[in-house]
Each structure stands twice: as C-alpha cells, then as structure tokens.
C-alpha cells in the first residue's frame, strides 16, 4: 500500500485585535493588519498489513507567516508559523485478542 497526502493553507489578510478602540502609548491603533500567506504540507508513505512508514514535510516553503500580533507591556509581539519541519513517522496497528464489550 502506498499513501500520499498534500495540503495547502491560504489566509488572506486579517486583523489581529478584539479591541477596536485600544491604542498604544504612542496613540497608535492596536489592530494590526496581518499580511496574507500560503503554506504547503505533504507526505509520502508505504505500508503493508499493520505497519506504515511515512516521510512528511510541513511548511515546505519555510514561510514565516504572521499568525497574531499584539502590543503588551510596551512592546509589539508577533507570533509566526512554525519553520519548515521534515521527518519520518512509523506506525504499527496492534491486533489484540481483548474484547471491548
């Protein structure tokens, strides 16, 4: 058995705030316009009966997308996506003789 998975996530620009009236100490609006981004994931695998080996990659283009921005304690903090991650997964489905009744 072979497996293949791919995903694309796109987000158009968004506004990072729940406070439409908040201002920084400098009088700037605390709603930050986050730029659009697209990320790509993928996985290839091979398996037989109860086992599966899979090579995967997340955020293939290593996009540093801004997920959230806020202003707290006099500094601007930006949360970004995880960097590119590549790895392998191994799984095995055990078949027990126990009943779940």
PDB file of N, CA and C in Angstrom:
ATOM      1  N   UNK A   1       0.835  -1.165   0.000  1.00  0.00           N
ATOM      2  CA  UNK A   1       0.000   0.000   0.000  1.00  0.00           C
ATOM      3  C   UNK A   1       0.890   1.241   0.000  1.00  0.00           C
ATOM      4  N   UNK A   2       0.534   2.207  -0.803  1.00  0.00           N
ATOM      5  CA  UNK A   2       1.227   3.494  -0.846  1.00  0.00           C
ATOM      6  C   UNK A   2       0.243   4.567  -0.409  1.00  0.00           C
ATOM      7  N   UNK A   3       0.761   5.590   0.254  1.00  0.00           N
ATOM      8  CA  UNK A   3      -0.105   6.699   0.651  1.00  0.00           C
ATOM      9  C   UNK A   3       0.545   8.015   0.250  1.00  0.00           C
ATOM     10  N   UNK A   4      -0.284   8.985  -0.043  1.00  0.00           N
ATOM     11  CA  UNK A   4       0.170  10.318  -0.420  1.00  0.00           C
ATOM     12  C   UNK A   4      -0.822  11.319   0.137  1.00  0.00           C
ATOM     13  N   UNK A   5      -0.317  12.388   0.716  1.00  0.00           N
ATOM     14  CA  UNK A   5      -1.178  13.436   1.253  1.00  0.00           C
ATOM     15  C   UNK A   5      -0.537  14.780   0.951  1.00  0.00           C
ATOM     16  N   UNK A   6      -1.346  15.736   0.570  1.00  0.00           N
ATOM     17  CA  UNK A   6      -0.838  17.087   0.389  1.00  0.00           C
ATOM     18  C   UNK A   6      -1.890  18.071   0.887  1.00  0.00           C
ATOM     19  N   UNK A   7      -1.419  19.236   1.298  1.00  0.00           N
ATOM     20  CA  UNK A   7      -2.335  20.261   1.796  1.00  0.00           C
ATOM     21  C   UNK A   7      -1.764  21.634   1.490  1.00  0.00           C
ATOM     22  N   UNK A   8      -2.660  22.548   1.230  1.00  0.00           N
ATOM     23  CA  UNK A   8      -2.290  23.943   1.028  1.00  0.00           C
ATOM     24  C   UNK A   8      -3.203  24.764   1.920  1.00  0.00           C
ATOM     25  N   UNK A   9      -2.628  25.666   2.681  1.00  0.00           N
ATOM     26  CA  UNK A   9      -3.414  26.554   3.533  1.00  0.00           C
ATOM     27  C   UNK A   9      -3.138  27.977   3.083  1.00  0.00           C
ATOM     28  N   UNK A  10      -4.204  28.712   2.798  1.00  0.00           N
ATOM     29  CA  UNK A  10      -4.054  30.119   2.404  1.00  0.00           C
ATOM     30  C   UNK A  10      -4.938  30.961   3.302  1.00  0.00           C
ATOM     31  N   UNK A  11      -4.377  32.066   3.755  1.00  0.00           N
ATOM     32  CA  UNK A  11      -5.173  33.024   4.522  1.00  0.00           C
ATOM     33  C   UNK A  11      -4.951  34.393   3.926  1.00  0.00           C
ATOM     34  N   UNK A  12      -6.047  35.061   3.569  1.00  0.00           N
ATOM     35  CA  UNK A  12      -5.907  36.436   3.097  1.00  0.00           C
ATOM     36  C   UNK A  12      -5.634  37.310   4.316  1.00  0.00           C
ATOM     37  N   UNK A  13      -5.401  38.580   4.089  1.00  0.00           N
ATOM     38  CA  UNK A  13      -5.029  39.421   5.225  1.00  0.00           C
ATOM     39  C   UNK A  13      -6.120  39.368   6.296  1.00  0.00           C
ATOM     40  N   UNK A  14      -5.711  39.564   7.545  1.00  0.00           N
ATOM     41  CA  UNK A  14      -6.663  39.575   8.654  1.00  0.00           C
ATOM     42  C   UNK A  14      -6.249  40.648   9.640  1.00  0.00           C
ATOM     43  N   UNK A  15      -7.142  40.970  10.538  1.00  0.00           N
ATOM     44  CA  UNK A  15      -6.891  41.994  11.541  1.00  0.00           C
ATOM     45  C   UNK A  15      -6.719  41.330  12.896  1.00  0.00           C
ATOM     46  N   UNK A  16      -5.585  41.544  13.549  1.00  0.00           N
ATOM     47  CA  UNK A  16      -5.303  40.912  14.829  1.00  0.00           C
ATOM     48  C   UNK A  16      -5.698  41.846  15.966  1.00  0.00           C
ATOM     49  N   UNK A  17      -6.960  41.781  16.354  1.00  0.00           N
ATOM     50  CA  UNK A  17      -7.427  42.542  17.505  1.00  0.00           C
ATOM     51  C   UNK A  17      -8.824  42.091  17.896  1.00  0.00           C
ATOM     52  N   UNK A  18      -9.138  42.255  19.135  1.00  0.00           N
ATOM     53  CA  UNK A  18     -10.520  42.095  19.585  1.00  0.00           C
ATOM     54  C   UNK A  18     -10.973  43.400  20.227  1.00  0.00           C
ATOM     55  N   UNK A  19     -10.068  44.371  20.253  1.00  0.00           N
ATOM     56  CA  UNK A  19     -10.331  45.670  20.875  1.00  0.00           C
ATOM     57  C   UNK A  19     -10.275  46.743  19.799  1.00  0.00           C
ATOM     58  N   UNK A  20     -11.418  47.166  19.325  1.00  0.00           N
ATOM     59  CA  UNK A  20     -11.456  48.147  18.227  1.00  0.00           C
ATOM     60  C   UNK A  20     -11.144  49.573  18.687  1.00  0.00           C
ATOM     61  N   UNK A  21     -11.071  49.816  19.988  1.00  0.00           N
ATOM     62  CA  UNK A  21     -10.820  51.170  20.486  1.00  0.00           C
ATOM     63  C   UNK A  21      -9.455  51.323  21.137  1.00  0.00           C
ATOM     64  N   UNK A  22      -8.711  50.237  21.311  1.00  0.00           N
ATOM     65  CA  UNK A  22      -7.437  50.286  22.021  1.00  0.00           C
ATOM     66  C   UNK A  22      -6.351  51.027  21.270  1.00  0.00           C
ATOM     67  N   UNK A  23      -5.520  51.742  22.033  1.00  0.00           N
ATOM     68  CA  UNK A  23      -4.407  52.491  21.462  1.00  0.00           C
ATOM     69  C   UNK A  23      -3.131  52.171  22.239  1.00  0.00           C
ATOM     70  N   UNK A  24      -1.976  52.244  21.545  1.00  0.00           N
ATOM     71  CA  UNK A  24      -0.687  52.081  22.214  1.00  0.00           C
ATOM     72  C   UNK A  24      -0.381  53.359  22.997  1.00  0.00           C
ATOM     73  N   UNK A  25       0.713  53.350  23.747  1.00  0.00           N
ATOM     74  CA  UNK A  25       1.114  54.558  24.480  1.00  0.00           C
ATOM     75  C   UNK A  25       1.438  55.711  23.532  1.00  0.00           C
ATOM     76  N   UNK A  26       1.801  55.390  22.293  1.00  0.00           N
ATOM     77  CA  UNK A  26       2.097  56.417  21.296  1.00  0.00           C
ATOM     78  C   UNK A  26       0.840  56.863  20.551  1.00  0.00           C
ATOM     79  N   UNK A  27      -0.327  56.327  20.929  1.00  0.00           N
ATOM     80  CA  UNK A  27      -1.585  56.727  20.299  1.00  0.00           C
ATOM     81  C   UNK A  27      -1.916  55.978  19.029  1.00  0.00           C
ATOM     82  N   UNK A  28      -1.199  54.884  18.722  1.00  0.00           N
ATOM     83  CA  UNK A  28      -1.477  54.101  17.520  1.00  0.00           C
ATOM     84  C   UNK A  28      -2.535  53.040  17.819  1.00  0.00           C
ATOM     85  N   UNK A  29      -3.355  52.771  16.834  1.00  0.00           N
ATOM     86  CA  UNK A  29      -4.388  51.742  16.940  1.00  0.00           C
ATOM     87  C   UNK A  29      -3.743  50.372  17.135  1.00  0.00           C
ATOM     88  N   UNK A  30      -4.261  49.543  18.050  1.00  0.00           N
ATOM     89  CA  UNK A  30      -3.640  48.254  18.343  1.00  0.00           C
ATOM     90  C   UNK A  30      -4.085  47.135  17.403  1.00  0.00           C
ATOM     91  N   UNK A  31      -4.938  47.420  16.460  1.00  0.00           N
ATOM     92  CA  UNK A  31      -5.326  46.413  15.473  1.00  0.00           C
ATOM     93  C   UNK A  31      -4.267  46.330  14.387  1.00  0.00           C
ATOM     94  N   UNK A  32      -3.627  45.183  14.273  1.00  0.00           N
ATOM     95  CA  UNK A  32      -2.550  45.024  13.301  1.00  0.00           C
ATOM     96  C   UNK A  32      -3.060  44.256  12.092  1.00  0.00           C
ATOM     97  N   UNK A  33      -2.830  44.792  10.915  1.00  0.00           N
ATOM     98  CA  UNK A  33      -3.231  44.140   9.668  1.00  0.00           C
ATOM     99  C   UNK A  33      -2.174  43.086   9.329  1.00  0.00           C
ATOM    100  N   UNK A  34      -2.563  41.822   9.409  1.00  0.00           N
ATOM    101  CA  UNK A  34      -1.633  40.731   9.126  1.00  0.00           C
ATOM    102  C   UNK A  34      -1.637  40.426   7.637  1.00  0.00           C
ATOM    103  N   UNK A  35      -0.460  40.319   7.016  1.00  0.00           N
ATOM    104  CA  UNK A  35      -0.396  40.072   5.576  1.00  0.00           C
ATOM    105  C   UNK A  35      -0.864  38.661   5.210  1.00  0.00           C
ATOM    106  N   UNK A  36      -1.297  38.473   3.967  1.00  0.00           N
ATOM    107  CA  UNK A  36      -1.720  37.132   3.520  1.00  0.00           C
ATOM    108  C   UNK A  36      -0.541  36.170   3.454  1.00  0.00           C
ATOM    109  N   UNK A  37      -0.848  34.862   3.528  1.00  0.00           N
ATOM    110  CA  UNK A  37       0.200  33.852   3.415  1.00  0.00           C
ATOM    111  C   UNK A  37      -0.385  32.545   2.894  1.00  0.00           C
ATOM    112  N   UNK A  38       0.506  31.696   2.370  1.00  0.00           N
ATOM    113  CA  UNK A  38       0.150  30.356   1.913  1.00  0.00           C
ATOM    114  C   UNK A  38       1.236  29.400   2.385  1.00  0.00           C
ATOM    115  N   UNK A  39       0.834  28.257   2.941  1.00  0.00           N
ATOM    116  CA  UNK A  39       1.795  27.223   3.332  1.00  0.00           C
ATOM    117  C   UNK A  39       1.408  25.910   2.657  1.00  0.00           C
ATOM    118  N   UNK A  40       2.389  25.034   2.489  1.00  0.00           N
ATOM    119  CA  UNK A  40       2.186  23.743   1.834  1.00  0.00           C
ATOM    120  C   UNK A  40       2.745  22.622   2.703  1.00  0.00           C
ATOM    121  N   UNK A  41       1.999  21.534   2.802  1.00  0.00           N
ATOM    122  CA  UNK A  41       2.430  20.340   3.525  1.00  0.00           C
ATOM    123  C   UNK A  41       2.318  19.145   2.584  1.00  0.00           C
ATOM    124  N   UNK A  42       3.048  18.087   2.887  1.00  0.00           N
ATOM    125  CA  UNK A  42       2.945  16.878   2.082  1.00  0.00           C
ATOM    126  C   UNK A  42       3.486  15.674   2.818  1.00  0.00           C
ATOM    127  N   UNK A  43       3.064  14.502   2.382  1.00  0.00           N
ATOM    128  CA  UNK A  43       3.549  13.259   2.987  1.00  0.00           C
ATOM    129  C   UNK A  43       3.493  12.141   1.954  1.00  0.00           C
ATOM    130  N   UNK A  44       4.486  11.277   1.997  1.00  0.00           N
ATOM    131  CA  UNK A  44       4.537  10.072   1.169  1.00  0.00           C
ATOM    132  C   UNK A  44       4.759   8.892   2.091  1.00  0.00           C
ATOM    133  N   UNK A  45       4.052   7.808   1.833  1.00  0.00           N
ATOM    134  CA  UNK A  45       4.216   6.669   2.722  1.00  0.00           C
ATOM    135  C   UNK A  45       4.065   5.348   2.008  1.00  0.00           C
ATOM    136  N   UNK A  46       4.536   4.321   2.679  1.00  0.00           N
ATOM    137  CA  UNK A  46       4.393   2.960   2.195  1.00  0.00           C
ATOM    138  C   UNK A  46       4.086   2.090   3.412  1.00  0.00           C
ATOM    139  N   UNK A  47       3.220   1.131   3.196  1.00  0.00           N
ATOM    140  CA  UNK A  47       2.849   0.268   4.312  1.00  0.00           C
ATOM    141  C   UNK A  47       2.421  -1.106   3.818  1.00  0.00           C
ATOM    142  N   UNK A  48       2.290  -2.002   4.765  1.00  0.00           N
ATOM    143  CA  UNK A  48       1.845  -3.353   4.469  1.00  0.00           C
ATOM    144  C   UNK A  48       1.183  -3.902   5.718  1.00  0.00           C
ATOM    145  N   UNK A  49       0.019  -4.484   5.545  1.00  0.00           N
ATOM    146  CA  UNK A  49      -0.748  -5.028   6.672  1.00  0.00           C
ATOM    147  C   UNK A  49      -0.880  -3.991   7.782  1.00  0.00           C
ATOM    148  N   UNK A  50      -0.236  -4.205   8.918  1.00  0.00           N
ATOM    149  CA  UNK A  50      -0.443  -3.354  10.090  1.00  0.00           C
ATOM    150  C   UNK A  50       0.574  -2.226  10.241  1.00  0.00           C
ATOM    151  N   UNK A  51       1.608  -2.156   9.404  1.00  0.00           N
ATOM    152  CA  UNK A  51       2.627  -1.126   9.590  1.00  0.00           C
ATOM    153  C   UNK A  51       2.595  -0.089   8.473  1.00  0.00           C
ATOM    154  N   UNK A  52       3.105   1.102   8.794  1.00  0.00           N
ATOM    155  CA  UNK A  52       3.159   2.210   7.841  1.00  0.00           C
ATOM    156  C   UNK A  52       4.401   3.046   8.137  1.00  0.00           C
ATOM    157  N   UNK A  53       5.156   3.374   7.101  1.00  0.00           N
ATOM    158  CA  UNK A  53       6.292   4.298   7.206  1.00  0.00           C
ATOM    159  C   UNK A  53       5.969   5.490   6.314  1.00  0.00           C
ATOM    160  N   UNK A  54       6.179   6.675   6.841  1.00  0.00           N
ATOM    161  CA  UNK A  54       5.765   7.872   6.110  1.00  0.00           C
ATOM    162  C   UNK A  54       6.812   8.969   6.263  1.00  0.00           C
ATOM    163  N   UNK A  55       7.187   9.599   5.157  1.00  0.00           N
ATOM    164  CA  UNK A  55       8.055  10.773   5.149  1.00  0.00           C
ATOM    165  C   UNK A  55       7.143  11.982   4.985  1.00  0.00           C
ATOM    166  N   UNK A  56       7.283  12.979   5.868  1.00  0.00           N
ATOM    167  CA  UNK A  56       6.386  14.133   5.804  1.00  0.00           C
ATOM    168  C   UNK A  56       7.180  15.435   5.841  1.00  0.00           C
ATOM    169  N   UNK A  57       6.548  16.488   5.357  1.00  0.00           N
ATOM    170  CA  UNK A  57       7.115  17.835   5.411  1.00  0.00           C
ATOM    171  C   UNK A  57       5.977  18.816   5.661  1.00  0.00           C
ATOM    172  N   UNK A  58       6.209  19.712   6.601  1.00  0.00           N
ATOM    173  CA  UNK A  58       5.238  20.759   6.910  1.00  0.00           C
ATOM    174  C   UNK A  58       5.878  22.113   6.632  1.00  0.00           C
ATOM    175  N   UNK A  59       5.106  23.037   6.080  1.00  0.00           N
ATOM    176  CA  UNK A  59       5.588  24.365   5.705  1.00  0.00           C
ATOM    177  C   UNK A  59       6.782  24.249   4.757  1.00  0.00           C
ATOM    178  N   UNK A  60       6.562  23.569   3.650  1.00  0.00           N
ATOM    179  CA  UNK A  60       7.636  23.284   2.689  1.00  0.00           C
ATOM    180  C   UNK A  60       8.395  24.520   2.210  1.00  0.00           C
ATOM    181  N   UNK A  61       7.707  25.638   2.042  1.00  0.00           N
ATOM    182  CA  UNK A  61       8.363  26.850   1.545  1.00  0.00           C
ATOM    183  C   UNK A  61       8.995  27.673   2.670  1.00  0.00           C
ATOM    184  N   UNK A  62       8.926  27.177   3.907  1.00  0.00           N
ATOM    185  CA  UNK A  62       9.520  27.839   5.072  1.00  0.00           C
ATOM    186  C   UNK A  62       9.024  29.277   5.219  1.00  0.00           C
ATOM    187  N   UNK A  63       7.720  29.458   5.042  1.00  0.00           N
ATOM    188  CA  UNK A  63       7.084  30.768   5.140  1.00  0.00           C
ATOM    189  C   UNK A  63       6.998  31.201   6.593  1.00  0.00           C
ATOM    190  N   UNK A  64       7.417  32.420   6.890  1.00  0.00           N
ATOM    191  CA  UNK A  64       7.293  32.962   8.249  1.00  0.00           C
ATOM    192  C   UNK A  64       6.052  33.861   8.282  1.00  0.00           C
ATOM    193  N   UNK A  65       4.903  33.225   8.256  1.00  0.00           N
ATOM    194  CA  UNK A  65       3.639  33.957   8.237  1.00  0.00           C
ATOM    195  C   UNK A  65       3.301  34.475   9.629  1.00  0.00           C
ATOM    196  N   UNK A  66       2.743  35.675   9.684  1.00  0.00           N
ATOM    197  CA  UNK A  66       2.313  36.242  10.953  1.00  0.00           C
ATOM    198  C   UNK A  66       0.928  35.704  11.291  1.00  0.00           C
ATOM    199  N   UNK A  67       0.820  34.995  12.407  1.00  0.00           N
ATOM    200  CA  UNK A  67      -0.460  34.443  12.839  1.00  0.00           C
ATOM    201  C   UNK A  67      -1.197  35.369  13.789  1.00  0.00           C
ATOM    202  N   UNK A  68      -0.450  36.099  14.602  1.00  0.00           N
ATOM    203  CA  UNK A  68      -1.060  37.028  15.555  1.00  0.00           C
ATOM    204  C   UNK A  68      -0.038  38.084  15.941  1.00  0.00           C
ATOM    205  N   UNK A  69      -0.518  39.282  16.189  1.00  0.00           N
ATOM    206  CA  UNK A  69       0.328  40.382  16.652  1.00  0.00           C
ATOM    207  C   UNK A  69      -0.412  41.108  17.764  1.00  0.00           C
ATOM    208  N   UNK A  70       0.294  41.444  18.817  1.00  0.00           N
ATOM    209  CA  UNK A  70      -0.329  42.244  19.863  1.00  0.00           C
ATOM    210  C   UNK A  70       0.697  43.198  20.457  1.00  0.00           C
ATOM    211  N   UNK A  71       0.179  44.143  21.193  1.00  0.00           N
ATOM    212  CA  UNK A  71       1.009  45.148  21.841  1.00  0.00           C
ATOM    213  C   UNK A  71       0.744  45.039  23.328  1.00  0.00           C
ATOM    214  N   UNK A  72       1.763  44.659  24.079  1.00  0.00           N
ATOM    215  CA  UNK A  72       1.595  44.472  25.520  1.00  0.00           C
ATOM    216  C   UNK A  72       2.884  44.854  26.229  1.00  0.00           C
ATOM    217  N   UNK A  73       2.758  45.473  27.376  1.00  0.00           N
ATOM    218  CA  UNK A  73       3.914  45.873  28.181  1.00  0.00           C
ATOM    219  C   UNK A  73       4.934  46.672  27.366  1.00  0.00           C
ATOM    220  N   UNK A  74       4.423  47.551  26.536  1.00  0.00           N
ATOM    221  CA  UNK A  74       5.228  48.479  25.738  1.00  0.00           C
ATOM    222  C   UNK A  74       6.082  47.835  24.658  1.00  0.00           C
ATOM    223  N   UNK A  75       5.725  46.648  24.196  1.00  0.00           N
ATOM    224  CA  UNK A  75       6.424  46.089  23.045  1.00  0.00           C
ATOM    225  C   UNK A  75       5.443  45.340  22.148  1.00  0.00           C
ATOM    226  N   UNK A  76       5.800  45.264  20.896  1.00  0.00           N
ATOM    227  CA  UNK A  76       4.980  44.585  19.895  1.00  0.00           C
ATOM    228  C   UNK A  76       5.461  43.141  19.779  1.00  0.00           C
ATOM    229  N   UNK A  77       4.558  42.189  19.983  1.00  0.00           N
ATOM    230  CA  UNK A  77       4.899  40.763  19.906  1.00  0.00           C
ATOM    231  C   UNK A  77       4.213  40.155  18.694  1.00  0.00           C
ATOM    232  N   UNK A  78       4.959  39.388  17.905  1.00  0.00           N
ATOM    233  CA  UNK A  78       4.426  38.749  16.698  1.00  0.00           C
ATOM    234  C   UNK A  78       4.605  37.244  16.820  1.00  0.00           C
ATOM    235  N   UNK A  79       3.506  36.514  16.624  1.00  0.00           N
ATOM    236  CA  UNK A  79       3.547  35.053  16.611  1.00  0.00           C
ATOM    237  C   UNK A  79       3.587  34.606  15.152  1.00  0.00           C
ATOM    238  N   UNK A  80       4.584  33.794  14.793  1.00  0.00           N
ATOM    239  CA  UNK A  80       4.736  33.339  13.413  1.00  0.00           C
ATOM    240  C   UNK A  80       4.505  31.826  13.321  1.00  0.00           C
ATOM    241  N   UNK A  81       4.359  31.333  12.091  1.00  0.00           N
ATOM    242  CA  UNK A  81       4.189  29.903  11.864  1.00  0.00           C
ATOM    243  C   UNK A  81       5.472  29.148  12.220  1.00  0.00           C
ATOM    244  N   UNK A  82       5.311  27.854  12.455  1.00  0.00           N
ATOM    245  CA  UNK A  82       6.484  27.012  12.699  1.00  0.00           C
ATOM    246  C   UNK A  82       7.352  26.973  11.453  1.00  0.00           C
ATOM    247  N   UNK A  83       8.661  26.884  11.605  1.00  0.00           N
ATOM    248  CA  UNK A  83       9.521  26.771  10.424  1.00  0.00           C
ATOM    249  C   UNK A  83       9.323  25.429   9.724  1.00  0.00           C
ATOM    250  N   UNK A  84       9.963  25.272   8.573  1.00  0.00           N
ATOM    251  CA  UNK A  84       9.867  24.018   7.831  1.00  0.00           C
ATOM    252  C   UNK A  84      10.237  22.849   8.745  1.00  0.00           C
ATOM    253  N   UNK A  85       9.418  21.814   8.712  1.00  0.00           N
ATOM    254  CA  UNK A  85       9.652  20.617   9.519  1.00  0.00           C
ATOM    255  C   UNK A  85       9.605  19.407   8.599  1.00  0.00           C
ATOM    256  N   UNK A  86      10.652  18.594   8.616  1.00  0.00           N
ATOM    257  CA  UNK A  86      10.708  17.376   7.808  1.00  0.00           C
ATOM    258  C   UNK A  86      11.007  16.217   8.742  1.00  0.00           C
ATOM    259  N   UNK A  87      10.303  15.124   8.574  1.00  0.00           N
ATOM    260  CA  UNK A  87      10.528  13.996   9.463  1.00  0.00           C
ATOM    261  C   UNK A  87       9.961  12.701   8.909  1.00  0.00           C
ATOM    262  N   UNK A  88      10.080  11.658   9.716  1.00  0.00           N
ATOM    263  CA  UNK A  88       9.532  10.346   9.363  1.00  0.00           C
ATOM    264  C   UNK A  88       8.625   9.877  10.479  1.00  0.00           C
ATOM    265  N   UNK A  89       7.564   9.187  10.082  1.00  0.00           N
ATOM    266  CA  UNK A  89       6.650   8.584  11.039  1.00  0.00           C
ATOM    267  C   UNK A  89       6.609   7.084  10.778  1.00  0.00           C
ATOM    268  N   UNK A  90       6.616   6.339  11.842  1.00  0.00           N
ATOM    269  CA  UNK A  90       6.439   4.894  11.746  1.00  0.00           C
ATOM    270  C   UNK A  90       5.257   4.527  12.634  1.00  0.00           C
ATOM    271  N   UNK A  91       4.384   3.693  12.114  1.00  0.00           N
ATOM    272  CA  UNK A  91       3.256   3.264  12.936  1.00  0.00           C
ATOM    273  C   UNK A  91       2.986   1.780  12.722  1.00  0.00           C
ATOM    274  N   UNK A  92       2.401   1.200  13.753  1.00  0.00           N
ATOM    275  CA  UNK A  92       2.034  -0.207  13.705  1.00  0.00           C
ATOM    276  C   UNK A  92       0.729  -0.366  14.466  1.00  0.00           C
ATOM    277  N   UNK A  93      -0.231  -1.026  13.853  1.00  0.00           N
ATOM    278  CA  UNK A  93      -1.522  -1.264  14.495  1.00  0.00           C
ATOM    279  C   UNK A  93      -1.507  -2.646  15.122  1.00  0.00           C
ATOM    280  N   UNK A  94      -1.517  -2.664  16.438  1.00  0.00           N
ATOM    281  CA  UNK A  94      -1.526  -3.940  17.159  1.00  0.00           C
ATOM    282  C   UNK A  94      -2.914  -4.533  17.154  1.00  0.00           C
ATOM    283  N   UNK A  95      -2.985  -5.818  16.970  1.00  0.00           N
ATOM    284  CA  UNK A  95      -4.265  -6.507  16.983  1.00  0.00           C
ATOM    285  C   UNK A  95      -4.286  -7.410  18.204  1.00  0.00           C
ATOM    286  N   UNK A  96      -5.063  -7.008  19.176  1.00  0.00           N
ATOM    287  CA  UNK A  96      -5.127  -7.772  20.426  1.00  0.00           C
ATOM    288  C   UNK A  96      -6.304  -8.721  20.425  1.00  0.00           C
ATOM    289  N   UNK A  97      -6.285  -9.637  21.371  1.00  0.00           N
ATOM    290  CA  UNK A  97      -7.369 -10.595  21.478  1.00  0.00           C
ATOM    291  C   UNK A  97      -8.389 -10.177  22.533  1.00  0.00           C
ATOM    292  N   UNK A  98      -8.194  -8.988  23.130  1.00  0.00           N
ATOM    293  CA  UNK A  98      -9.112  -8.498  24.144  1.00  0.00           C
ATOM    294  C   UNK A  98     -10.401  -7.993  23.527  1.00  0.00           C
ATOM    295  N   UNK A  99     -11.471  -8.210  24.227  1.00  0.00           N
ATOM    296  CA  UNK A  99     -12.775  -7.731  23.773  1.00  0.00           C
ATOM    297  C   UNK A  99     -13.053  -6.394  24.450  1.00  0.00           C
ATOM    298  N   UNK A 100     -13.699  -5.494  23.765  1.00  0.00           N
ATOM    299  CA  UNK A 100     -14.027  -4.181  24.321  1.00  0.00           C
ATOM    300  C   UNK A 100     -15.468  -4.126  24.795  1.00  0.00           C
ATOM    301  N   UNK A 101     -16.115  -5.283  24.969  1.00  0.00           N
ATOM    302  CA  UNK A 101     -17.525  -5.318  25.408  1.00  0.00           C
ATOM    303  C   UNK A 101     -17.654  -4.830  26.817  1.00  0.00           C
TER     304      UNK A 101
END
